[in-house]
Amino acid sequence: MDAAADRVVLEESWKRLLLDEFDKPYMRNLREFLVKEKRARKTIYPRGSEIFAALDAAPFDGVRVVIIGQDPYHGPNQAHGLCFSVMSGVAEPPSLVNIFAEINTDMADSSVPGGNPRSRLQPGAGCLRGWAAQGVLLLNAVLTVERGRAGSHQDKGWEVFTDRIVALLNAQRDGLVFLLWGGYAQKKGAIVDADRHCVLKAPHPSPLSAHRGFFGCRHFSAANRYLVANGGEPVDWFAVE
């Protein structure tokens, strides 16, 4: 184990499972890439202390739902380490607007676990830390991005790291809900054992595809029904900042 791995700042349950990854060649190459990018004075999102925020907010044994995104938002004051989430007070990007619209429709039925016809998600409340606190792992496949350049840190090693996270959850936990929106997330989640976990698939919530089946997918109520049927508590999908 090298000195760099020893200095990894990560939530303890995840650190025990993932620390060896930081000694592997792909992670060393990724680390060198990020150092070079910063030396070139490029702005990288999210800031360093938030790169692993999704793991820090949802310890391994507390994960109940997994949502897989692609890479962080690349605009100022948006990305903070949770997929689809933006900082409090920042305007919601279009995909998050569509996610909220589906929740408002899906969870308006009081007969649904966690449903509340009097609750609605409102503009300006796009920070999803409240979900993470309930065990929703908001995992991007790629954990960093250069400002203004979507996808700029793809194929640099992050995908290997986050594949390992999905594999650990699949193998060592039971009864999780995986929300896989779009082909990219579905490919990444292809290893998940649907006999031991609930795997829900739909098109991506992007405006380009949401009308092809994301709207009306009712994944949020389906997730809650599964959790309750397996002895758990429903997620409060209205708990956003």
C-alpha atoms as a PDB file:
ATOM      1  CA  MET A   1       0.000   0.000   0.000  1.00  0.00           C
ATOM      2  CA  ASP A   2       1.575   3.291  -1.022  1.00  0.00           C
ATOM      3  CA  ALA A   3       1.575   6.555   0.914  1.00  0.00           C
ATOM      4  CA  ALA A   4      -1.029   8.107  -1.364  1.00  0.00           C
ATOM      5  CA  ALA A   5      -3.474   5.313  -0.582  1.00  0.00           C
ATOM      6  CA  ASP A   6      -2.819   5.766   3.129  1.00  0.00           C
ATOM      7  CA  ARG A   7      -3.935   9.388   2.812  1.00  0.00           C
ATOM      8  CA  VAL A   8      -7.255   8.621   1.099  1.00  0.00           C
ATOM      9  CA  VAL A   9     -10.062  10.505   2.832  1.00  0.00           C
ATOM     10  CA  LEU A  10     -13.153   8.355   2.501  1.00  0.00           C
ATOM     11  CA  GLU A  11     -16.027   7.226   4.689  1.00  0.00           C
ATOM     12  CA  GLU A  12     -14.708   4.334   6.779  1.00  0.00           C
ATOM     13  CA  SER A  13     -16.963   1.513   5.554  1.00  0.00           C
ATOM     14  CA  TRP A  14     -16.178   2.335   1.934  1.00  0.00           C
ATOM     15  CA  LYS A  15     -12.503   2.885   2.716  1.00  0.00           C
ATOM     16  CA  ARG A  16     -12.189  -0.651   4.069  1.00  0.00           C
ATOM     17  CA  LEU A  17     -13.664  -2.038   0.863  1.00  0.00           C
ATOM     18  CA  LEU A  18     -11.990   0.251  -1.660  1.00  0.00           C
ATOM     19  CA  LEU A  19      -8.600   1.228  -0.274  1.00  0.00           C
ATOM     20  CA  ASP A  20      -6.755  -1.401  -2.315  1.00  0.00           C
ATOM     21  CA  GLU A  21      -8.093   0.208  -5.478  1.00  0.00           C
ATOM     22  CA  PHE A  22      -5.905   3.241  -4.846  1.00  0.00           C
ATOM     23  CA  ASP A  23      -2.748   1.139  -5.269  1.00  0.00           C
ATOM     24  CA  LYS A  24      -3.734  -0.212  -8.670  1.00  0.00           C
ATOM     25  CA  PRO A  25      -2.155   1.104 -11.900  1.00  0.00           C
ATOM     26  CA  TYR A  26      -5.398   2.570 -13.240  1.00  0.00           C
ATOM     27  CA  MET A  27      -5.852   4.700 -10.117  1.00  0.00           C
ATOM     28  CA  ARG A  28      -2.241   5.863 -10.148  1.00  0.00           C
ATOM     29  CA  ASN A  29      -2.705   6.916 -13.773  1.00  0.00           C
ATOM     30  CA  LEU A  30      -5.934   8.694 -12.886  1.00  0.00           C
ATOM     31  CA  ARG A  31      -4.232  10.508 -10.020  1.00  0.00           C
ATOM     32  CA  GLU A  32      -1.426  11.643 -12.336  1.00  0.00           C
ATOM     33  CA  PHE A  33      -3.967  12.849 -14.885  1.00  0.00           C
ATOM     34  CA  LEU A  34      -5.816  14.947 -12.301  1.00  0.00           C
ATOM     35  CA  VAL A  35      -2.569  16.449 -10.992  1.00  0.00           C
ATOM     36  CA  LYS A  36      -1.568  17.466 -14.532  1.00  0.00           C
ATOM     37  CA  GLU A  37      -4.970  19.003 -15.183  1.00  0.00           C
ATOM     38  CA  LYS A  38      -4.745  21.091 -12.027  1.00  0.00           C
ATOM     39  CA  ARG A  39      -1.174  22.143 -12.806  1.00  0.00           C
ATOM     40  CA  ALA A  40      -2.469  23.323 -16.183  1.00  0.00           C
ATOM     41  CA  ARG A  41      -4.843  25.564 -14.188  1.00  0.00           C
ATOM     42  CA  LYS A  42      -7.940  23.841 -15.429  1.00  0.00           C
ATOM     43  CA  THR A  43     -11.024  24.103 -13.249  1.00  0.00           C
ATOM     44  CA  ILE A  44     -12.199  20.686 -12.111  1.00  0.00           C
ATOM     45  CA  TYR A  45     -15.637  19.908 -10.693  1.00  0.00           C
ATOM     46  CA  PRO A  46     -16.550  19.007  -8.037  1.00  0.00           C
ATOM     47  CA  ARG A  47     -13.955  20.386  -5.662  1.00  0.00           C
ATOM     48  CA  GLY A  48     -11.557  17.846  -4.217  1.00  0.00           C
ATOM     49  CA  SER A  49     -13.298  17.452  -0.872  1.00  0.00           C
ATOM     50  CA  GLU A  50     -16.535  16.480  -2.652  1.00  0.00           C
ATOM     51  CA  ILE A  51     -15.253  13.975  -5.212  1.00  0.00           C
ATOM     52  CA  PHE A  52     -16.321  11.066  -2.991  1.00  0.00           C
ATOM     53  CA  ALA A  53     -19.357  12.826  -1.502  1.00  0.00           C
ATOM     54  CA  ALA A  54     -21.791  10.148  -2.699  1.00  0.00           C
ATOM     55  CA  LEU A  55     -19.898   7.496  -0.724  1.00  0.00           C
ATOM     56  CA  ASP A  56     -19.400   9.735   2.293  1.00  0.00           C
ATOM     57  CA  ALA A  57     -23.136  10.472   2.472  1.00  0.00           C
ATOM     58  CA  ALA A  58     -24.282   6.852   2.128  1.00  0.00           C
ATOM     59  CA  PRO A  59     -22.167   4.312   4.073  1.00  0.00           C
ATOM     60  CA  PHE A  60     -21.980   0.849   2.522  1.00  0.00           C
ATOM     61  CA  ASP A  61     -24.259  -0.937   4.998  1.00  0.00           C
ATOM     62  CA  GLY A  62     -26.804   1.879   4.852  1.00  0.00           C
ATOM     63  CA  VAL A  63     -27.294   1.929   1.075  1.00  0.00           C
ATOM     64  CA  ARG A  64     -30.854   1.016   0.100  1.00  0.00           C
ATOM     65  CA  VAL A  65     -31.252   2.552  -3.352  1.00  0.00           C
ATOM     66  CA  VAL A  66     -28.639   3.136  -6.062  1.00  0.00           C
ATOM     67  CA  ILE A  67     -29.074   5.757  -8.787  1.00  0.00           C
ATOM     68  CA  ILE A  68     -26.368   5.784 -11.458  1.00  0.00           C
ATOM     69  CA  GLY A  69     -25.471   8.927 -13.389  1.00  0.00           C
ATOM     70  CA  GLN A  70     -22.785   9.522 -16.007  1.00  0.00           C
ATOM     71  CA  ASP A  71     -20.482  12.391 -15.046  1.00  0.00           C
ATOM     72  CA  PRO A  72     -20.767  15.558 -12.935  1.00  0.00           C
ATOM     73  CA  TYR A  73     -22.396  18.749 -14.131  1.00  0.00           C
ATOM     74  CA  HIS A  74     -19.748  20.948 -15.735  1.00  0.00           C
ATOM     75  CA  GLY A  75     -21.162  24.391 -14.953  1.00  0.00           C
ATOM     76  CA  PRO A  76     -20.148  26.668 -12.057  1.00  0.00           C
ATOM     77  CA  ASN A  77     -21.736  25.970  -8.651  1.00  0.00           C
ATOM     78  CA  GLN A  78     -23.541  22.855  -9.835  1.00  0.00           C
ATOM     79  CA  ALA A  79     -21.642  19.638  -9.103  1.00  0.00           C
ATOM     80  CA  HIS A  80     -21.037  18.656  -5.492  1.00  0.00           C
ATOM     81  CA  GLY A  81     -20.461  14.911  -5.750  1.00  0.00           C
ATOM     82  CA  LEU A  82     -24.019  13.520  -5.928  1.00  0.00           C
ATOM     83  CA  CYS A  83     -25.362  12.538  -9.328  1.00  0.00           C
ATOM     84  CA  PHE A  84     -28.231  14.654 -10.691  1.00  0.00           C
ATOM     85  CA  SER A  85     -27.983  16.931  -7.617  1.00  0.00           C
ATOM     86  CA  VAL A  86     -27.011  20.614  -7.582  1.00  0.00           C
ATOM     87  CA  MET A  87     -26.101  22.925  -4.722  1.00  0.00           C
ATOM     88  CA  SER A  88     -28.971  24.538  -2.836  1.00  0.00           C
ATOM     89  CA  GLY A  89     -30.317  27.595  -4.623  1.00  0.00           C
ATOM     90  CA  VAL A  90     -28.877  26.614  -8.020  1.00  0.00           C
ATOM     91  CA  ALA A  91     -31.367  26.233 -10.856  1.00  0.00           C
ATOM     92  CA  GLU A  92     -32.162  22.592 -11.586  1.00  0.00           C
ATOM     93  CA  PRO A  93     -30.728  21.264 -14.858  1.00  0.00           C
ATOM     94  CA  PRO A  94     -33.338  19.876 -17.283  1.00  0.00           C
ATOM     95  CA  SER A  95     -32.874  16.217 -16.280  1.00  0.00           C
ATOM     96  CA  LEU A  96     -33.473  17.045 -12.632  1.00  0.00           C
ATOM     97  CA  VAL A  97     -36.540  19.094 -13.546  1.00  0.00           C
ATOM     98  CA  ASN A  98     -37.932  15.991 -15.243  1.00  0.00           C
ATOM     99  CA  ILE A  99     -37.043  13.768 -12.281  1.00  0.00           C
ATOM    100  CA  PHE A 100     -38.945  16.123  -9.993  1.00  0.00           C
ATOM    101  CA  ALA A 101     -41.921  16.177 -12.372  1.00  0.00           C
ATOM    102  CA  GLU A 102     -42.100  12.378 -12.293  1.00  0.00           C
ATOM    103  CA  ILE A 103     -41.891  12.343  -8.490  1.00  0.00           C
ATOM    104  CA  ASN A 104     -44.661  14.927  -8.212  1.00  0.00           C
ATOM    105  CA  THR A 105     -46.912  12.722 -10.355  1.00  0.00           C
ATOM    106  CA  ASP A 106     -45.823   9.330  -9.031  1.00  0.00           C
ATOM    107  CA  MET A 107     -45.865  10.152  -5.331  1.00  0.00           C
ATOM    108  CA  ALA A 108     -49.095  12.143  -5.236  1.00  0.00           C
ATOM    109  CA  ASP A 109     -51.058   9.017  -4.282  1.00  0.00           C
ATOM    110  CA  SER A 110     -51.438   8.637  -0.517  1.00  0.00           C
ATOM    111  CA  SER A 111     -51.880   4.865  -0.921  1.00  0.00           C
ATOM    112  CA  VAL A 112     -48.257   4.607  -2.102  1.00  0.00           C
ATOM    113  CA  PRO A 113     -45.655   4.153   0.669  1.00  0.00           C
ATOM    114  CA  GLY A 114     -44.245   7.622   1.227  1.00  0.00           C
ATOM    115  CA  GLY A 115     -46.864   9.194  -1.040  1.00  0.00           C
ATOM    116  CA  ASN A 116     -48.306  12.570  -0.139  1.00  0.00           C
ATOM    117  CA  PRO A 117     -50.773  14.463  -2.355  1.00  0.00           C
ATOM    118  CA  ARG A 118     -50.001  17.684  -0.467  1.00  0.00           C
ATOM    119  CA  SER A 119     -46.253  17.617  -1.167  1.00  0.00           C
ATOM    120  CA  ARG A 120     -44.615  18.893  -4.323  1.00  0.00           C
ATOM    121  CA  LEU A 121     -41.002  19.465  -5.251  1.00  0.00           C
ATOM    122  CA  GLN A 122     -40.477  23.121  -6.052  1.00  0.00           C
ATOM    123  CA  PRO A 123     -37.950  24.980  -8.234  1.00  0.00           C
ATOM    124  CA  GLY A 124     -34.790  26.040  -6.402  1.00  0.00           C
ATOM    125  CA  ALA A 125     -34.597  22.924  -4.229  1.00  0.00           C
ATOM    126  CA  GLY A 126     -32.292  20.704  -6.249  1.00  0.00           C
ATOM    127  CA  CYS A 127     -29.887  19.485  -3.568  1.00  0.00           C
ATOM    128  CA  LEU A 128     -30.453  15.769  -3.013  1.00  0.00           C
ATOM    129  CA  ARG A 129     -28.531  15.368   0.243  1.00  0.00           C
ATOM    130  CA  GLY A 130     -31.838  14.457   1.887  1.00  0.00           C
ATOM    131  CA  TRP A 131     -32.045  11.397  -0.329  1.00  0.00           C
ATOM    132  CA  ALA A 132     -28.451  10.409   0.406  1.00  0.00           C
ATOM    133  CA  ALA A 133     -29.130  10.657   4.143  1.00  0.00           C
ATOM    134  CA  GLN A 134     -31.815   7.993   3.695  1.00  0.00           C
ATOM    135  CA  GLY A 135     -29.463   5.549   1.987  1.00  0.00           C
ATOM    136  CA  VAL A 136     -29.816   6.599  -1.642  1.00  0.00           C
ATOM    137  CA  LEU A 137     -26.394   6.278  -3.281  1.00  0.00           C
ATOM    138  CA  LEU A 138     -26.223   8.952  -5.979  1.00  0.00           C
ATOM    139  CA  LEU A 139     -23.282   7.570  -7.939  1.00  0.00           C
ATOM    140  CA  ASN A 140     -21.826   9.073 -11.074  1.00  0.00           C
ATOM    141  CA  ALA A 141     -19.819   6.656 -13.211  1.00  0.00           C
ATOM    142  CA  VAL A 142     -17.160   9.359 -13.611  1.00  0.00           C
ATOM    143  CA  LEU A 143     -16.434  11.448 -10.540  1.00  0.00           C
ATOM    144  CA  THR A 144     -14.745  14.537 -12.010  1.00  0.00           C
ATOM    145  CA  VAL A 145     -15.075  16.796 -15.048  1.00  0.00           C
ATOM    146  CA  GLU A 146     -13.388  19.872 -16.508  1.00  0.00           C
ATOM    147  CA  ARG A 147     -15.400  23.073 -16.412  1.00  0.00           C
ATOM    148  CA  GLY A 148     -17.427  23.512 -19.590  1.00  0.00           C
ATOM    149  CA  ARG A 149     -16.383  20.161 -21.097  1.00  0.00           C
ATOM    150  CA  ALA A 150     -18.948  17.424 -20.553  1.00  0.00           C
ATOM    151  CA  GLY A 151     -17.404  13.965 -20.610  1.00  0.00           C
ATOM    152  CA  SER A 152     -13.849  15.305 -20.469  1.00  0.00           C
ATOM    153  CA  HIS A 153     -12.746  12.848 -17.754  1.00  0.00           C
ATOM    154  CA  GLN A 154     -14.325   9.752 -19.238  1.00  0.00           C
ATOM    155  CA  ASP A 155     -12.039   6.766 -19.927  1.00  0.00           C
ATOM    156  CA  LYS A 156      -9.413   8.008 -17.464  1.00  0.00           C
ATOM    157  CA  GLY A 157     -10.063   5.316 -14.843  1.00  0.00           C
ATOM    158  CA  TRP A 158     -13.076   6.451 -12.869  1.00  0.00           C
ATOM    159  CA  GLU A 159     -15.313   3.896 -14.596  1.00  0.00           C
ATOM    160  CA  VAL A 160     -13.169   1.050 -13.258  1.00  0.00           C
ATOM    161  CA  PHE A 161     -13.462   2.432  -9.730  1.00  0.00           C
ATOM    162  CA  THR A 162     -17.231   2.877  -9.872  1.00  0.00           C
ATOM    163  CA  ASP A 163     -17.702  -0.538 -11.500  1.00  0.00           C
ATOM    164  CA  ARG A 164     -16.044  -1.923  -8.387  1.00  0.00           C
ATOM    165  CA  ILE A 165     -18.548  -0.070  -6.207  1.00  0.00           C
ATOM    166  CA  VAL A 166     -21.492  -1.546  -8.118  1.00  0.00           C
ATOM    167  CA  ALA A 167     -19.925  -5.015  -7.948  1.00  0.00           C
ATOM    168  CA  LEU A 168     -19.461  -4.792  -4.181  1.00  0.00           C
ATOM    169  CA  LEU A 169     -23.038  -3.702  -3.616  1.00  0.00           C
ATOM    170  CA  ASN A 170     -24.335  -6.457  -5.872  1.00  0.00           C
ATOM    171  CA  ALA A 171     -22.273  -9.180  -4.211  1.00  0.00           C
ATOM    172  CA  GLN A 172     -22.302  -8.193  -0.550  1.00  0.00           C
ATOM    173  CA  ARG A 173     -25.740  -6.686  -0.071  1.00  0.00           C
ATOM    174  CA  ASP A 174     -29.261  -7.998  -0.679  1.00  0.00           C
ATOM    175  CA  GLY A 175     -32.567  -6.320  -1.402  1.00  0.00           C
ATOM    176  CA  LEU A 176     -31.258  -3.090  -2.924  1.00  0.00           C
ATOM    177  CA  VAL A 177     -33.115  -1.042  -5.519  1.00  0.00           C
ATOM    178  CA  PHE A 178     -31.132  -0.032  -8.611  1.00  0.00           C
ATOM    179  CA  LEU A 179     -32.625   2.777 -10.706  1.00  0.00           C
ATOM    180  CA  LEU A 180     -31.014   2.549 -14.138  1.00  0.00           C
ATOM    181  CA  TRP A 181     -32.014   5.414 -16.413  1.00  0.00           C
ATOM    182  CA  GLY A 182     -30.717   5.345 -19.957  1.00  0.00           C
ATOM    183  CA  GLY A 183     -28.460   2.968 -21.838  1.00  0.00           C
ATOM    184  CA  TYR A 184     -25.280   4.082 -20.115  1.00  0.00           C
ATOM    185  CA  ALA A 185     -26.579   3.345 -16.606  1.00  0.00           C
ATOM    186  CA  GLN A 186     -28.186   0.109 -17.760  1.00  0.00           C
ATOM    187  CA  LYS A 187     -24.908  -1.121 -19.214  1.00  0.00           C
ATOM    188  CA  LYS A 188     -23.088  -0.261 -15.996  1.00  0.00           C
ATOM    189  CA  GLY A 189     -25.739  -2.031 -13.940  1.00  0.00           C
ATOM    190  CA  ALA A 190     -25.845  -5.116 -16.143  1.00  0.00           C
ATOM    191  CA  ILE A 191     -23.930  -7.141 -13.530  1.00  0.00           C
ATOM    192  CA  VAL A 192     -26.639  -6.651 -10.885  1.00  0.00           C
ATOM    193  CA  ASP A 193     -28.412  -9.868  -9.930  1.00  0.00           C
ATOM    194  CA  ALA A 194     -32.109  -9.138 -10.469  1.00  0.00           C
ATOM    195  CA  ASP A 195     -33.027 -12.202  -8.409  1.00  0.00           C
ATOM    196  CA  ARG A 196     -31.501 -10.634  -5.287  1.00  0.00           C
ATOM    197  CA  HIS A 197     -32.113  -6.962  -5.998  1.00  0.00           C
ATOM    198  CA  CYS A 198     -34.845  -4.839  -7.560  1.00  0.00           C
ATOM    199  CA  VAL A 199     -33.628  -3.515 -10.921  1.00  0.00           C
ATOM    200  CA  LEU A 200     -35.773  -0.803 -12.510  1.00  0.00           C
ATOM    201  CA  LYS A 201     -34.965   0.460 -16.014  1.00  0.00           C
ATOM    202  CA  ALA A 202     -36.256   3.442 -17.966  1.00  0.00           C
ATOM    203  CA  PRO A 203     -35.033   5.946 -20.544  1.00  0.00           C
ATOM    204  CA  HIS A 204     -32.843   8.769 -19.288  1.00  0.00           C
ATOM    205  CA  PRO A 205     -34.693  11.780 -17.805  1.00  0.00           C
ATOM    206  CA  SER A 206     -32.980  14.116 -20.284  1.00  0.00           C
ATOM    207  CA  PRO A 207     -35.406  16.226 -22.350  1.00  0.00           C
ATOM    208  CA  LEU A 208     -34.179  14.240 -25.369  1.00  0.00           C
ATOM    209  CA  SER A 209     -35.526  10.964 -24.018  1.00  0.00           C
ATOM    210  CA  ALA A 210     -37.805  11.528 -21.013  1.00  0.00           C
ATOM    211  CA  HIS A 211     -40.943  11.373 -23.146  1.00  0.00           C
ATOM    212  CA  ARG A 212     -39.933   7.935 -24.427  1.00  0.00           C
ATOM    213  CA  GLY A 213     -40.749   6.255 -21.125  1.00  0.00           C
ATOM    214  CA  PHE A 214     -39.122   8.024 -18.200  1.00  0.00           C
ATOM    215  CA  PHE A 215     -42.315   9.964 -17.626  1.00  0.00           C
ATOM    216  CA  GLY A 216     -44.771   7.443 -16.250  1.00  0.00           C
ATOM    217  CA  CYS A 217     -42.138   4.900 -15.221  1.00  0.00           C
ATOM    218  CA  ARG A 218     -43.205   5.274 -11.565  1.00  0.00           C
ATOM    219  CA  HIS A 219     -39.829   4.152 -10.315  1.00  0.00           C
ATOM    220  CA  PHE A 220     -40.094   6.090  -7.076  1.00  0.00           C
ATOM    221  CA  SER A 221     -43.266   4.416  -5.892  1.00  0.00           C
ATOM    222  CA  ALA A 222     -41.997   1.051  -7.165  1.00  0.00           C
ATOM    223  CA  ALA A 223     -38.793   1.482  -5.160  1.00  0.00           C
ATOM    224  CA  ASN A 224     -40.759   2.292  -2.018  1.00  0.00           C
ATOM    225  CA  ARG A 225     -43.098  -0.639  -2.461  1.00  0.00           C
ATOM    226  CA  TYR A 226     -40.133  -2.985  -2.783  1.00  0.00           C
ATOM    227  CA  LEU A 227     -38.376  -1.542   0.266  1.00  0.00           C
ATOM    228  CA  VAL A 228     -41.505  -1.815   2.421  1.00  0.00           C
ATOM    229  CA  ALA A 229     -42.268  -5.334   1.175  1.00  0.00           C
ATOM    230  CA  ASN A 230     -38.783  -6.322   2.339  1.00  0.00           C
ATOM    231  CA  GLY A 231     -39.234  -4.883   5.815  1.00  0.00           C
ATOM    232  CA  GLY A 232     -37.705  -1.455   5.213  1.00  0.00           C
ATOM    233  CA  GLU A 233     -38.878   2.136   5.344  1.00  0.00           C
ATOM    234  CA  PRO A 234     -39.939   4.059   2.238  1.00  0.00           C
ATOM    235  CA  VAL A 235     -37.728   6.834   0.926  1.00  0.00           C
ATOM    236  CA  ASP A 236     -39.106  10.348   1.386  1.00  0.00           C
ATOM    237  CA  TRP A 237     -38.538  11.538  -2.168  1.00  0.00           C
ATOM    238  CA  PHE A 238     -39.775  14.996  -1.208  1.00  0.00           C
ATOM    239  CA  ALA A 239     -36.836  15.469   1.213  1.00  0.00           C
ATOM    240  CA  VAL A 240     -34.716  17.867  -0.849  1.00  0.00           C
ATOM    241  CA  GLU A 241     -33.082  21.208  -0.101  1.00  0.00           C
END
